[in-house]
């Protein structure tokens, strides 16, 4: 496992770096094949900010926290990572117990067009300010939902392993998931 610790707006501290590396090694007992861990530690006035990104088997786990003490921030972010990993492992265990198609059917839903749209003038004034390219990893709908939860995103673009088409899964306002699938391609 490769652990990278980056210090921003603060002096490099071997003690803090060692502390962060020791705490991340706790996660290895839950995820034995962690590939990469990146820790970013920063200080802004009296706020100590810690964020951690862990990549393992195509899954990315991210957490961040901010406190008045760097060690407390590292502890809090590691606790968040451990909760996410435990939740992910529990989902995998449950997934193996359930029939795959039954769970996939539960996630699949009909997508309806919204009743009303925003003003056309606002849409015409919109400008693309960021463009991102990424690899849409082949995965099942269940895996895409878990990945989206782990990354704390509201949507995820992925390649459906079953149909081999690009799909989008998103979180609805009511907390459920929506799935956008191409037809006739």
N, C-alpha and C. Protein backbone atom coordinates (compact mmCIF):
# COMPACT_ATOMS: atom_id res chain seq x y z
N UNK A 1 0.85 -1.18 0.00
CA UNK A 1 0.00 0.00 0.00
C UNK A 1 0.89 1.23 0.00
N UNK A 2 0.52 2.18 -0.84
CA UNK A 2 1.27 3.43 -0.92
C UNK A 2 0.46 4.53 -0.24
N UNK A 3 1.07 5.16 0.78
CA UNK A 3 0.41 6.25 1.51
C UNK A 3 1.15 7.54 1.18
N UNK A 4 0.40 8.53 0.71
CA UNK A 4 0.96 9.83 0.40
C UNK A 4 0.35 10.84 1.35
N UNK A 5 1.18 11.61 2.04
CA UNK A 5 0.71 12.64 2.95
C UNK A 5 1.16 13.99 2.41
N UNK A 6 0.19 14.88 2.20
CA UNK A 6 0.47 16.21 1.67
C UNK A 6 0.11 17.24 2.73
N UNK A 7 1.02 18.18 2.97
CA UNK A 7 0.79 19.26 3.93
C UNK A 7 0.54 20.55 3.15
N UNK A 8 -0.54 21.25 3.47
CA UNK A 8 -0.85 22.52 2.83
C UNK A 8 -0.95 23.61 3.89
N UNK A 9 -0.30 24.70 3.65
CA UNK A 9 -0.36 25.86 4.53
C UNK A 9 0.12 25.54 5.95
N UNK A 10 1.07 24.62 6.05
CA UNK A 10 1.64 24.26 7.35
C UNK A 10 3.01 23.62 7.12
N UNK A 11 3.79 23.60 8.18
CA UNK A 11 5.10 22.97 8.13
C UNK A 11 4.95 21.45 8.07
N UNK A 12 5.84 20.80 7.33
CA UNK A 12 5.85 19.34 7.29
C UNK A 12 6.27 18.82 8.66
N UNK A 13 5.46 17.93 9.21
CA UNK A 13 5.72 17.39 10.54
C UNK A 13 5.85 15.87 10.46
N UNK A 14 7.02 15.32 10.74
CA UNK A 14 7.18 13.86 10.72
C UNK A 14 6.26 13.16 11.72
N UNK A 15 6.01 13.79 12.87
CA UNK A 15 5.15 13.18 13.89
C UNK A 15 3.71 13.07 13.39
N UNK A 16 3.21 14.13 12.76
CA UNK A 16 1.84 14.11 12.23
C UNK A 16 1.74 13.12 11.07
N UNK A 17 2.77 13.09 10.22
CA UNK A 17 2.78 12.16 9.10
C UNK A 17 2.75 10.72 9.60
N UNK A 18 3.59 10.41 10.59
CA UNK A 18 3.62 9.06 11.15
C UNK A 18 2.28 8.70 11.78
N UNK A 19 1.68 9.65 12.49
CA UNK A 19 0.37 9.43 13.13
C UNK A 19 -0.69 9.10 12.08
N UNK A 20 -0.71 9.87 10.98
CA UNK A 20 -1.69 9.63 9.92
C UNK A 20 -1.47 8.26 9.27
N UNK A 21 -0.21 7.90 9.02
CA UNK A 21 0.09 6.60 8.41
C UNK A 21 -0.33 5.45 9.32
N UNK A 22 -0.11 5.58 10.63
CA UNK A 22 -0.52 4.54 11.58
C UNK A 22 -2.03 4.39 11.60
N UNK A 23 -2.73 5.51 11.57
CA UNK A 23 -4.20 5.46 11.58
C UNK A 23 -4.75 4.83 10.31
N UNK A 24 -4.14 5.13 9.17
CA UNK A 24 -4.61 4.54 7.92
C UNK A 24 -4.35 3.04 7.89
N UNK A 25 -3.29 2.61 8.54
CA UNK A 25 -3.00 1.17 8.56
C UNK A 25 -4.10 0.40 9.30
N UNK A 26 -4.89 1.07 10.14
CA UNK A 26 -6.04 0.42 10.80
C UNK A 26 -7.07 -0.03 9.78
N UNK A 27 -7.19 0.70 8.69
CA UNK A 27 -8.18 0.39 7.67
C UNK A 27 -7.81 -0.89 6.92
N UNK A 28 -6.51 -1.23 6.91
CA UNK A 28 -6.05 -2.43 6.19
C UNK A 28 -6.70 -3.71 6.70
N UNK A 29 -7.10 -3.72 7.98
CA UNK A 29 -7.74 -4.94 8.49
C UNK A 29 -9.12 -5.15 7.87
N UNK A 30 -9.76 -4.07 7.39
CA UNK A 30 -11.06 -4.19 6.73
C UNK A 30 -10.91 -4.38 5.23
N UNK A 31 -9.91 -3.73 4.66
CA UNK A 31 -9.64 -3.81 3.23
C UNK A 31 -8.21 -4.28 3.03
N UNK A 32 -7.98 -5.58 2.92
CA UNK A 32 -6.61 -6.07 2.85
C UNK A 32 -5.85 -5.66 1.59
N UNK A 33 -6.56 -5.37 0.50
CA UNK A 33 -5.86 -5.03 -0.73
C UNK A 33 -6.03 -3.56 -1.11
N UNK A 34 -5.73 -2.67 -0.15
CA UNK A 34 -5.74 -1.24 -0.42
C UNK A 34 -4.57 -0.92 -1.34
N UNK A 35 -4.83 -0.22 -2.42
CA UNK A 35 -3.80 0.08 -3.39
C UNK A 35 -3.11 1.40 -3.08
N UNK A 36 -3.92 2.42 -2.79
CA UNK A 36 -3.37 3.75 -2.64
C UNK A 36 -4.17 4.52 -1.60
N UNK A 37 -3.47 5.29 -0.77
CA UNK A 37 -4.13 6.17 0.20
C UNK A 37 -3.46 7.54 0.11
N UNK A 38 -4.29 8.57 -0.02
CA UNK A 38 -3.76 9.93 -0.11
C UNK A 38 -4.37 10.77 1.01
N UNK A 39 -3.51 11.38 1.81
CA UNK A 39 -3.94 12.20 2.94
C UNK A 39 -3.54 13.64 2.66
N UNK A 40 -4.48 14.56 2.81
CA UNK A 40 -4.18 15.98 2.66
C UNK A 40 -4.50 16.66 3.98
N UNK A 41 -3.48 17.28 4.58
CA UNK A 41 -3.63 17.97 5.85
C UNK A 41 -3.36 19.46 5.61
N UNK A 42 -4.28 20.31 6.09
CA UNK A 42 -4.10 21.74 5.87
C UNK A 42 -4.58 22.52 7.09
N UNK A 43 -4.06 23.73 7.21
CA UNK A 43 -4.43 24.62 8.31
C UNK A 43 -4.84 25.95 7.71
N UNK A 44 -6.01 26.45 8.11
CA UNK A 44 -6.48 27.77 7.72
C UNK A 44 -6.93 28.47 9.00
N UNK A 45 -6.17 29.47 9.40
CA UNK A 45 -6.39 30.19 10.66
C UNK A 45 -6.37 29.18 11.80
N UNK A 46 -7.51 28.92 12.47
CA UNK A 46 -7.51 27.96 13.59
C UNK A 46 -8.16 26.64 13.20
N UNK A 47 -8.53 26.49 11.93
CA UNK A 47 -9.18 25.26 11.47
C UNK A 47 -8.16 24.29 10.91
N UNK A 48 -8.15 23.09 11.43
CA UNK A 48 -7.26 22.02 10.96
C UNK A 48 -8.13 21.07 10.13
N UNK A 49 -7.77 20.92 8.88
CA UNK A 49 -8.58 20.17 7.92
C UNK A 49 -7.81 18.92 7.49
N UNK A 50 -8.49 17.77 7.54
CA UNK A 50 -7.89 16.51 7.09
C UNK A 50 -8.85 15.85 6.10
N UNK A 51 -8.30 15.38 4.99
CA UNK A 51 -9.10 14.62 4.04
C UNK A 51 -8.29 13.42 3.56
N UNK A 52 -9.00 12.31 3.38
CA UNK A 52 -8.36 11.06 2.99
C UNK A 52 -9.12 10.45 1.83
N UNK A 53 -8.36 9.99 0.83
CA UNK A 53 -8.92 9.26 -0.31
C UNK A 53 -8.20 7.92 -0.37
N UNK A 54 -8.98 6.85 -0.36
CA UNK A 54 -8.42 5.49 -0.43
C UNK A 54 -8.98 4.80 -1.67
N UNK A 55 -8.08 4.18 -2.45
CA UNK A 55 -8.48 3.45 -3.65
C UNK A 55 -8.16 1.98 -3.44
N UNK A 56 -9.16 1.12 -3.65
CA UNK A 56 -8.97 -0.32 -3.52
C UNK A 56 -9.91 -1.05 -4.47
N UNK A 57 -9.39 -1.91 -5.30
CA UNK A 57 -10.18 -2.73 -6.22
C UNK A 57 -11.23 -1.93 -6.99
N UNK A 58 -10.87 -0.78 -7.50
CA UNK A 58 -11.81 0.02 -8.28
C UNK A 58 -12.78 0.82 -7.44
N UNK A 59 -12.73 0.71 -6.13
CA UNK A 59 -13.61 1.46 -5.24
C UNK A 59 -12.81 2.61 -4.65
N UNK A 60 -13.39 3.80 -4.64
CA UNK A 60 -12.75 4.96 -4.06
C UNK A 60 -13.55 5.39 -2.84
N UNK A 61 -12.86 5.53 -1.71
CA UNK A 61 -13.51 5.94 -0.46
C UNK A 61 -12.90 7.28 -0.06
N UNK A 62 -13.77 8.24 0.24
CA UNK A 62 -13.32 9.60 0.55
C UNK A 62 -14.01 10.11 1.80
N UNK A 63 -13.25 10.81 2.64
CA UNK A 63 -13.83 11.46 3.81
C UNK A 63 -12.98 12.67 4.17
N UNK A 64 -13.60 13.63 4.81
CA UNK A 64 -12.88 14.81 5.28
C UNK A 64 -13.52 15.30 6.56
N UNK A 65 -12.72 16.01 7.36
CA UNK A 65 -13.21 16.58 8.61
C UNK A 65 -12.36 17.78 8.97
N UNK A 66 -12.93 18.62 9.82
CA UNK A 66 -12.27 19.86 10.21
C UNK A 66 -12.51 20.09 11.69
N UNK A 67 -11.43 20.29 12.45
CA UNK A 67 -11.53 20.57 13.88
C UNK A 67 -10.49 21.63 14.24
N UNK A 68 -10.35 21.87 15.53
CA UNK A 68 -9.36 22.86 15.98
C UNK A 68 -8.01 22.21 16.29
N UNK A 69 -7.90 20.87 16.14
CA UNK A 69 -6.66 20.15 16.42
C UNK A 69 -6.41 19.15 15.29
N UNK A 70 -5.20 19.10 14.76
CA UNK A 70 -4.89 18.24 13.63
C UNK A 70 -5.05 16.76 13.97
N UNK A 71 -4.61 16.35 15.15
CA UNK A 71 -4.74 14.95 15.55
C UNK A 71 -6.21 14.55 15.66
N UNK A 72 -7.04 15.43 16.20
CA UNK A 72 -8.48 15.16 16.31
C UNK A 72 -9.11 15.09 14.92
N UNK A 73 -8.66 15.93 14.00
CA UNK A 73 -9.19 15.89 12.64
C UNK A 73 -8.84 14.57 11.96
N UNK A 74 -7.61 14.10 12.16
CA UNK A 74 -7.20 12.82 11.58
C UNK A 74 -8.03 11.68 12.18
N UNK A 75 -8.20 11.70 13.51
CA UNK A 75 -9.02 10.66 14.16
C UNK A 75 -10.45 10.66 13.61
N UNK A 76 -11.04 11.86 13.48
CA UNK A 76 -12.43 11.95 13.01
C UNK A 76 -12.56 11.45 11.57
N UNK A 77 -11.62 11.78 10.71
CA UNK A 77 -11.71 11.35 9.32
C UNK A 77 -11.47 9.85 9.20
N UNK A 78 -10.60 9.29 10.02
CA UNK A 78 -10.39 7.83 10.02
C UNK A 78 -11.66 7.12 10.49
N UNK A 79 -12.32 7.67 11.50
CA UNK A 79 -13.59 7.08 11.96
C UNK A 79 -14.63 7.07 10.84
N UNK A 80 -14.69 8.16 10.08
CA UNK A 80 -15.63 8.22 8.95
C UNK A 80 -15.28 7.17 7.90
N UNK A 81 -13.99 7.04 7.60
CA UNK A 81 -13.55 6.04 6.62
C UNK A 81 -13.93 4.64 7.10
N UNK A 82 -13.67 4.34 8.38
CA UNK A 82 -13.99 3.01 8.91
C UNK A 82 -15.48 2.74 8.83
N UNK A 83 -16.32 3.74 9.12
CA UNK A 83 -17.77 3.54 9.02
C UNK A 83 -18.17 3.24 7.58
N UNK A 84 -17.57 3.97 6.64
CA UNK A 84 -17.89 3.73 5.23
C UNK A 84 -17.46 2.34 4.79
N UNK A 85 -16.28 1.92 5.22
CA UNK A 85 -15.77 0.60 4.84
C UNK A 85 -16.65 -0.49 5.44
N UNK A 86 -17.03 -0.35 6.70
CA UNK A 86 -17.90 -1.34 7.33
C UNK A 86 -19.25 -1.41 6.62
N UNK A 87 -19.79 -0.24 6.27
CA UNK A 87 -21.06 -0.19 5.56
C UNK A 87 -20.93 -0.88 4.20
N UNK A 88 -19.82 -0.61 3.51
CA UNK A 88 -19.57 -1.23 2.21
C UNK A 88 -19.47 -2.76 2.35
N UNK A 89 -18.72 -3.23 3.35
CA UNK A 89 -18.57 -4.67 3.55
C UNK A 89 -19.90 -5.33 3.91
N UNK A 90 -20.72 -4.65 4.72
CA UNK A 90 -22.04 -5.18 5.05
C UNK A 90 -22.91 -5.29 3.82
N UNK A 91 -22.84 -4.29 2.95
CA UNK A 91 -23.63 -4.33 1.72
C UNK A 91 -23.18 -5.48 0.83
N UNK A 92 -21.88 -5.69 0.73
CA UNK A 92 -21.37 -6.80 -0.08
C UNK A 92 -21.86 -8.13 0.48
N UNK A 93 -21.81 -8.27 1.80
CA UNK A 93 -22.28 -9.51 2.44
C UNK A 93 -23.76 -9.73 2.16
N UNK A 94 -24.56 -8.68 2.31
CA UNK A 94 -26.00 -8.80 2.04
C UNK A 94 -26.25 -9.09 0.57
N UNK A 95 -25.45 -8.48 -0.28
CA UNK A 95 -25.63 -8.67 -1.72
C UNK A 95 -25.43 -10.13 -2.10
N UNK A 96 -24.43 -10.76 -1.50
CA UNK A 96 -24.17 -12.17 -1.80
C UNK A 96 -25.33 -13.04 -1.33
N UNK A 97 -26.01 -12.62 -0.26
CA UNK A 97 -27.11 -13.40 0.28
C UNK A 97 -28.38 -13.27 -0.56
N UNK A 98 -28.55 -12.15 -1.22
CA UNK A 98 -29.74 -11.91 -2.03
C UNK A 98 -29.51 -12.29 -3.48
N UNK A 99 -30.55 -12.61 -4.13
CA UNK A 99 -30.45 -12.92 -5.55
C UNK A 99 -30.19 -11.62 -6.30
N UNK A 100 -29.19 -11.61 -7.17
CA UNK A 100 -28.74 -10.39 -7.84
C UNK A 100 -29.86 -9.71 -8.63
N UNK A 101 -30.62 -10.45 -9.39
CA UNK A 101 -31.66 -9.84 -10.22
C UNK A 101 -32.78 -9.22 -9.41
N UNK A 102 -33.10 -9.81 -8.25
CA UNK A 102 -34.16 -9.25 -7.42
C UNK A 102 -33.76 -7.88 -6.89
N UNK A 103 -32.51 -7.74 -6.46
CA UNK A 103 -32.04 -6.47 -5.94
C UNK A 103 -31.91 -5.44 -7.05
N UNK A 104 -31.46 -5.88 -8.22
CA UNK A 104 -31.32 -4.96 -9.34
C UNK A 104 -32.69 -4.44 -9.77
N UNK A 105 -33.68 -5.29 -9.75
CA UNK A 105 -35.03 -4.86 -10.12
C UNK A 105 -35.57 -3.83 -9.13
N UNK A 106 -35.19 -3.94 -7.86
CA UNK A 106 -35.63 -2.98 -6.86
C UNK A 106 -35.04 -1.60 -7.10
N UNK A 107 -33.80 -1.55 -7.58
CA UNK A 107 -33.16 -0.27 -7.86
C UNK A 107 -33.68 0.36 -9.14
N UNK A 108 -34.05 -0.46 -10.10
CA UNK A 108 -34.52 0.04 -11.39
C UNK A 108 -35.87 0.70 -11.20
N UNK A 109 -36.07 1.83 -11.82
CA UNK A 109 -37.33 2.54 -11.67
C UNK A 109 -37.65 3.28 -12.95
N UNK A 110 -38.89 3.62 -13.08
CA UNK A 110 -39.34 4.40 -14.22
C UNK A 110 -38.93 5.86 -14.02
N UNK A 111 -38.41 6.47 -15.03
CA UNK A 111 -38.01 7.87 -14.94
C UNK A 111 -39.04 8.70 -15.68
N UNK A 112 -39.61 9.67 -14.99
CA UNK A 112 -40.63 10.53 -15.55
C UNK A 112 -40.05 11.90 -15.85
N UNK A 113 -40.57 12.54 -16.86
CA UNK A 113 -40.15 13.91 -17.17
C UNK A 113 -40.75 14.83 -16.12
N UNK A 114 -40.02 15.85 -15.68
CA UNK A 114 -40.55 16.77 -14.68
C UNK A 114 -41.76 17.51 -15.23
N UNK A 115 -42.69 17.88 -14.33
CA UNK A 115 -43.91 18.57 -14.72
C UNK A 115 -43.64 19.98 -15.23
N UNK A 116 -42.69 20.65 -14.60
CA UNK A 116 -42.41 22.02 -15.02
C UNK A 116 -40.91 22.21 -15.13
N UNK A 117 -40.52 23.06 -16.03
CA UNK A 117 -39.11 23.35 -16.23
C UNK A 117 -38.80 24.75 -15.73
N UNK A 118 -37.52 25.00 -15.46
CA UNK A 118 -37.08 26.34 -15.08
C UNK A 118 -37.25 27.26 -16.29
N UNK A 119 -37.15 28.52 -16.07
CA UNK A 119 -37.30 29.50 -17.15
C UNK A 119 -36.26 29.24 -18.24
N UNK A 120 -36.70 29.33 -19.49
CA UNK A 120 -35.80 29.08 -20.62
C UNK A 120 -34.65 30.08 -20.65
N UNK A 121 -34.88 31.32 -20.15
CA UNK A 121 -33.83 32.34 -20.16
C UNK A 121 -32.66 31.91 -19.29
N UNK A 122 -32.94 31.30 -18.12
CA UNK A 122 -31.86 30.85 -17.24
C UNK A 122 -31.05 29.75 -17.90
N UNK A 123 -31.72 28.84 -18.60
CA UNK A 123 -31.02 27.75 -19.26
C UNK A 123 -30.15 28.27 -20.39
N UNK A 124 -30.63 29.28 -21.11
CA UNK A 124 -29.86 29.83 -22.21
C UNK A 124 -28.61 30.55 -21.70
N UNK A 125 -28.65 31.11 -20.49
CA UNK A 125 -27.53 31.86 -19.94
C UNK A 125 -26.49 30.94 -19.30
N UNK A 126 -26.76 29.65 -19.14
CA UNK A 126 -25.83 28.72 -18.52
C UNK A 126 -24.62 28.48 -19.41
N UNK A 127 -23.47 28.35 -18.76
CA UNK A 127 -22.22 28.13 -19.48
C UNK A 127 -21.51 26.95 -18.82
N UNK A 128 -20.89 26.08 -19.61
CA UNK A 128 -20.12 24.97 -19.08
C UNK A 128 -18.83 25.54 -18.51
N UNK A 129 -18.61 25.36 -17.20
CA UNK A 129 -17.42 25.90 -16.56
C UNK A 129 -16.38 24.83 -16.24
N UNK A 130 -16.78 23.57 -16.30
CA UNK A 130 -15.84 22.50 -16.00
C UNK A 130 -16.16 21.30 -16.87
N UNK A 131 -15.13 20.70 -17.42
CA UNK A 131 -15.29 19.52 -18.25
C UNK A 131 -14.36 18.46 -17.70
N UNK A 132 -14.90 17.28 -17.37
CA UNK A 132 -14.10 16.21 -16.79
C UNK A 132 -14.19 14.98 -17.67
N UNK A 133 -13.06 14.34 -17.91
CA UNK A 133 -13.01 13.07 -18.61
C UNK A 133 -12.63 11.99 -17.62
N UNK A 134 -13.28 10.84 -17.69
CA UNK A 134 -12.96 9.74 -16.80
C UNK A 134 -13.35 8.44 -17.45
N UNK A 135 -12.83 7.36 -16.91
CA UNK A 135 -13.13 6.02 -17.40
C UNK A 135 -14.39 5.52 -16.70
N UNK A 136 -15.42 5.17 -17.46
CA UNK A 136 -16.66 4.65 -16.90
C UNK A 136 -16.50 3.15 -16.69
N UNK A 137 -16.12 2.75 -15.50
CA UNK A 137 -15.80 1.36 -15.17
C UNK A 137 -17.04 0.47 -15.30
N UNK A 138 -16.91 -0.70 -15.91
CA UNK A 138 -18.04 -1.63 -15.97
C UNK A 138 -18.37 -2.13 -14.57
N UNK A 139 -19.63 -2.01 -14.18
CA UNK A 139 -20.08 -2.48 -12.88
C UNK A 139 -21.58 -2.70 -12.92
N UNK A 140 -22.06 -3.44 -11.92
CA UNK A 140 -23.51 -3.67 -11.82
C UNK A 140 -24.16 -2.43 -11.24
N UNK A 141 -25.46 -2.38 -11.28
CA UNK A 141 -26.20 -1.24 -10.74
C UNK A 141 -25.98 -1.14 -9.24
N UNK A 142 -25.92 -2.28 -8.56
CA UNK A 142 -25.68 -2.28 -7.11
C UNK A 142 -24.31 -1.70 -6.78
N UNK A 143 -23.29 -2.12 -7.53
CA UNK A 143 -21.95 -1.59 -7.31
C UNK A 143 -21.90 -0.08 -7.57
N UNK A 144 -22.60 0.37 -8.58
CA UNK A 144 -22.63 1.80 -8.90
C UNK A 144 -23.28 2.58 -7.75
N UNK A 145 -24.36 2.04 -7.18
CA UNK A 145 -25.02 2.71 -6.05
C UNK A 145 -24.09 2.77 -4.85
N UNK A 146 -23.36 1.69 -4.58
CA UNK A 146 -22.43 1.69 -3.45
C UNK A 146 -21.28 2.68 -3.70
N UNK A 147 -20.76 2.70 -4.92
CA UNK A 147 -19.67 3.62 -5.25
C UNK A 147 -20.13 5.06 -5.09
N UNK A 148 -21.35 5.35 -5.53
CA UNK A 148 -21.89 6.70 -5.41
C UNK A 148 -22.02 7.09 -3.94
N UNK A 149 -22.48 6.17 -3.10
CA UNK A 149 -22.60 6.44 -1.66
C UNK A 149 -21.23 6.67 -1.03
N UNK A 150 -20.26 5.85 -1.40
CA UNK A 150 -18.92 5.98 -0.82
C UNK A 150 -18.27 7.31 -1.20
N UNK A 151 -18.54 7.79 -2.38
CA UNK A 151 -17.96 9.05 -2.84
C UNK A 151 -18.78 10.27 -2.44
N UNK A 152 -19.94 10.04 -1.83
CA UNK A 152 -20.85 11.12 -1.42
C UNK A 152 -21.26 11.99 -2.61
N UNK A 153 -21.48 11.34 -3.75
CA UNK A 153 -21.94 12.04 -4.95
C UNK A 153 -23.44 11.89 -5.09
N UNK A 154 -24.04 12.77 -5.88
CA UNK A 154 -25.47 12.67 -6.14
C UNK A 154 -25.76 11.91 -7.43
N UNK A 155 -24.73 11.65 -8.23
CA UNK A 155 -24.90 10.86 -9.44
C UNK A 155 -23.58 10.17 -9.78
N UNK A 156 -23.66 9.15 -10.63
CA UNK A 156 -22.47 8.44 -11.07
C UNK A 156 -22.71 7.93 -12.49
N UNK A 157 -21.78 8.19 -13.39
CA UNK A 157 -21.82 7.67 -14.75
C UNK A 157 -20.99 6.40 -14.77
N UNK A 158 -21.55 5.32 -15.29
CA UNK A 158 -20.83 4.04 -15.29
C UNK A 158 -21.27 3.22 -16.50
N UNK A 159 -20.48 2.19 -16.81
CA UNK A 159 -20.83 1.24 -17.86
C UNK A 159 -21.55 0.07 -17.19
N UNK A 160 -22.77 -0.20 -17.61
CA UNK A 160 -23.53 -1.31 -17.06
C UNK A 160 -22.89 -2.61 -17.55
N UNK A 161 -22.43 -3.44 -16.62
CA UNK A 161 -21.73 -4.68 -16.96
C UNK A 161 -22.64 -5.64 -17.72
N UNK A 162 -23.94 -5.56 -17.46
CA UNK A 162 -24.88 -6.47 -18.10
C UNK A 162 -25.17 -6.06 -19.56
N UNK A 163 -25.49 -4.79 -19.77
CA UNK A 163 -25.87 -4.32 -21.10
C UNK A 163 -24.71 -3.72 -21.88
N UNK A 164 -23.59 -3.39 -21.19
CA UNK A 164 -22.42 -2.76 -21.78
C UNK A 164 -22.72 -1.39 -22.37
N UNK A 165 -23.75 -0.70 -21.85
CA UNK A 165 -24.07 0.66 -22.25
C UNK A 165 -23.73 1.61 -21.11
N UNK A 166 -23.51 2.87 -21.45
CA UNK A 166 -23.28 3.89 -20.44
C UNK A 166 -24.61 4.19 -19.74
N UNK A 167 -24.61 4.17 -18.42
CA UNK A 167 -25.79 4.48 -17.61
C UNK A 167 -25.44 5.56 -16.60
N UNK A 168 -26.46 6.20 -16.07
CA UNK A 168 -26.29 7.18 -15.00
C UNK A 168 -27.22 6.81 -13.86
N UNK A 169 -26.66 6.67 -12.67
CA UNK A 169 -27.48 6.44 -11.48
C UNK A 169 -27.40 7.73 -10.65
N UNK A 170 -28.56 8.13 -10.10
CA UNK A 170 -28.59 9.37 -9.36
C UNK A 170 -29.46 9.23 -8.12
N UNK A 171 -29.23 10.11 -7.16
CA UNK A 171 -30.02 10.12 -5.92
C UNK A 171 -31.15 11.11 -6.09
N UNK A 172 -32.37 10.63 -5.87
CA UNK A 172 -33.56 11.48 -5.97
C UNK A 172 -33.75 12.26 -4.68
N UNK A 173 -34.57 13.30 -4.72
CA UNK A 173 -34.84 14.12 -3.54
C UNK A 173 -35.48 13.31 -2.41
N UNK A 174 -36.22 12.25 -2.77
CA UNK A 174 -36.87 11.43 -1.74
C UNK A 174 -35.93 10.38 -1.14
N UNK A 175 -34.63 10.37 -1.55
CA UNK A 175 -33.65 9.44 -0.99
C UNK A 175 -33.48 8.16 -1.77
N UNK A 176 -34.37 7.87 -2.71
CA UNK A 176 -34.26 6.67 -3.54
C UNK A 176 -33.29 6.93 -4.69
N UNK A 177 -33.08 5.92 -5.52
CA UNK A 177 -32.17 6.03 -6.64
C UNK A 177 -32.96 6.07 -7.94
N UNK A 178 -32.42 6.78 -8.92
CA UNK A 178 -32.95 6.78 -10.27
C UNK A 178 -31.88 6.25 -11.20
N UNK A 179 -32.29 5.64 -12.30
CA UNK A 179 -31.35 5.08 -13.25
C UNK A 179 -31.72 5.55 -14.65
N UNK A 180 -30.75 6.10 -15.36
CA UNK A 180 -30.96 6.54 -16.74
C UNK A 180 -30.22 5.55 -17.63
N UNK A 181 -31.01 4.90 -18.53
CA UNK A 181 -30.45 3.90 -19.43
C UNK A 181 -30.76 4.31 -20.86
N UNK A 182 -29.81 4.11 -21.80
CA UNK A 182 -30.10 4.41 -23.21
C UNK A 182 -30.97 3.31 -23.81
N UNK A 183 -31.82 3.67 -24.73
CA UNK A 183 -32.65 2.69 -25.43
C UNK A 183 -32.41 2.79 -26.92
N UNK A 184 -32.41 1.66 -27.58
CA UNK A 184 -32.29 1.63 -29.03
C UNK A 184 -30.90 1.92 -29.55
N UNK A 185 -29.89 1.79 -28.70
CA UNK A 185 -28.53 2.09 -29.16
C UNK A 185 -27.90 0.90 -29.81
